[in-house]
């Protein structure tokens, strides 16, 4: 392969990696205790509040005083809900992976219960 073709191939690989990269950063939270859970009556959505003083907010969401949010169309939402209710009732700690914003709040995309 010529040097020019190798360079074009490398640039094509780099462009593909950039294009396929996720649009949102993902960041884990420390383990914390769930202090409140809120759900509305119109949509299957949940807000979650823990006992840490600040929210993890890798994507710069604008609402930082109203907990984390689970989007009502996420495939694992019901599992997250069950885990979070169990954590609250049993005073267990949870950690989240936060990626993106939904309704201007940091969005939960993974829940770990311990």
Protein backbone atom coordinates (compact mmCIF):
# COMPACT_ATOMS: atom_id res chain seq x y z
CA UNK A 1 0.00 0.00 0.00
CA UNK A 2 1.40 3.38 -0.92
CA UNK A 3 2.01 6.03 1.70
CA UNK A 4 -0.85 8.17 0.31
CA UNK A 5 -3.33 5.27 0.38
CA UNK A 6 -2.25 4.37 3.91
CA UNK A 7 -2.84 7.96 5.01
CA UNK A 8 -6.31 8.03 3.40
CA UNK A 9 -7.15 4.70 5.04
CA UNK A 10 -6.05 6.04 8.45
CA UNK A 11 -8.11 9.21 7.97
CA UNK A 12 -11.16 7.13 6.98
CA UNK A 13 -10.79 5.02 10.13
CA UNK A 14 -10.45 8.14 12.27
CA UNK A 15 -13.51 9.75 10.67
CA UNK A 16 -15.51 6.56 11.27
CA UNK A 17 -14.49 6.52 14.92
CA UNK A 18 -15.49 10.15 15.37
CA UNK A 19 -18.84 9.68 13.65
CA UNK A 20 -19.69 6.56 15.65
CA UNK A 21 -18.62 8.02 19.01
CA UNK A 22 -21.49 8.53 21.48
CA UNK A 23 -22.98 12.01 21.57
CA UNK A 24 -22.99 12.08 25.36
CA UNK A 25 -20.33 11.63 27.96
CA UNK A 26 -21.03 8.98 30.57
CA UNK A 27 -19.93 9.26 34.17
CA UNK A 28 -20.58 7.16 37.23
CA UNK A 29 -21.78 8.50 40.55
CA UNK A 30 -20.42 7.49 43.93
CA UNK A 31 -22.59 5.09 45.94
CA UNK A 32 -25.24 6.97 47.91
CA UNK A 33 -28.52 6.42 49.73
CA UNK A 34 -31.81 7.11 47.94
CA UNK A 35 -33.68 9.73 49.97
CA UNK A 36 -36.67 10.28 47.67
CA UNK A 37 -38.29 8.93 44.52
CA UNK A 38 -40.85 10.87 42.52
CA UNK A 39 -43.10 9.71 39.69
CA UNK A 40 -45.85 11.54 37.86
CA UNK A 41 -49.27 10.24 36.94
CA UNK A 42 -49.24 11.08 33.24
CA UNK A 43 -45.98 9.47 32.05
CA UNK A 44 -43.96 6.47 33.26
CA UNK A 45 -41.00 8.61 34.38
CA UNK A 46 -39.07 8.72 37.65
CA UNK A 47 -36.99 11.35 39.45
CA UNK A 48 -34.46 10.04 41.94
CA UNK A 49 -32.83 11.95 44.79
CA UNK A 50 -29.86 10.76 46.84
CA UNK A 51 -28.02 12.04 49.90
CA UNK A 52 -24.94 13.48 48.14
CA UNK A 53 -24.66 17.27 48.07
CA UNK A 54 -24.15 17.58 44.29
CA UNK A 55 -25.27 15.80 41.14
CA UNK A 56 -22.96 14.21 38.61
CA UNK A 57 -23.60 16.20 35.44
CA UNK A 58 -21.21 15.27 32.59
CA UNK A 59 -23.31 16.88 29.87
CA UNK A 60 -24.06 20.21 31.54
CA UNK A 61 -27.79 19.75 32.13
CA UNK A 62 -29.45 22.96 33.30
CA UNK A 63 -31.70 21.61 36.10
CA UNK A 64 -29.50 20.55 39.02
CA UNK A 65 -31.92 20.95 41.92
CA UNK A 66 -34.50 18.33 40.97
CA UNK A 67 -32.66 14.99 41.03
CA UNK A 68 -31.70 12.53 38.34
CA UNK A 69 -34.23 11.31 35.80
CA UNK A 70 -35.11 8.02 34.12
CA UNK A 71 -36.65 8.45 30.68
CA UNK A 72 -40.01 6.73 30.19
CA UNK A 73 -38.97 5.04 26.94
CA UNK A 74 -35.71 3.50 28.18
CA UNK A 75 -35.87 -0.30 27.84
CA UNK A 76 -34.54 -0.99 31.37
CA UNK A 77 -36.66 1.62 33.15
CA UNK A 78 -38.88 -0.88 35.00
CA UNK A 79 -35.84 -2.77 36.26
CA UNK A 80 -34.33 0.54 37.41
CA UNK A 81 -37.61 1.44 39.16
CA UNK A 82 -37.72 -1.91 40.98
CA UNK A 83 -34.08 -1.61 42.04
CA UNK A 84 -34.55 1.95 43.30
CA UNK A 85 -37.70 1.13 45.26
CA UNK A 86 -35.89 -1.84 46.83
CA UNK A 87 -32.93 0.40 47.68
CA UNK A 88 -35.20 2.98 49.34
CA UNK A 89 -37.25 0.44 51.30
CA UNK A 90 -34.18 -1.53 52.45
CA UNK A 91 -31.88 1.47 52.99
CA UNK A 92 -29.34 0.14 50.49
CA UNK A 93 -26.91 2.24 48.47
CA UNK A 94 -27.02 2.81 44.73
CA UNK A 95 -24.70 4.21 42.10
CA UNK A 96 -25.73 5.44 38.66
CA UNK A 97 -24.18 5.92 35.28
CA UNK A 98 -25.28 9.31 33.99
CA UNK A 99 -25.27 10.10 30.26
CA UNK A 100 -27.01 12.95 28.54
CA UNK A 101 -29.88 15.10 29.71
CA UNK A 102 -33.62 14.52 29.61
CA UNK A 103 -36.06 17.27 30.57
CA UNK A 104 -32.86 19.25 31.31
CA UNK A 105 -31.91 16.85 34.15
CA UNK A 106 -29.00 14.37 34.29
CA UNK A 107 -30.26 11.07 32.81
CA UNK A 108 -29.74 7.71 34.51
CA UNK A 109 -28.71 5.00 32.04
CA UNK A 110 -27.55 2.37 34.57
CA UNK A 111 -28.25 1.52 38.21
CA UNK A 112 -26.08 -0.50 40.58
CA UNK A 113 -27.48 -1.65 43.92
CA UNK A 114 -25.34 -2.82 46.85
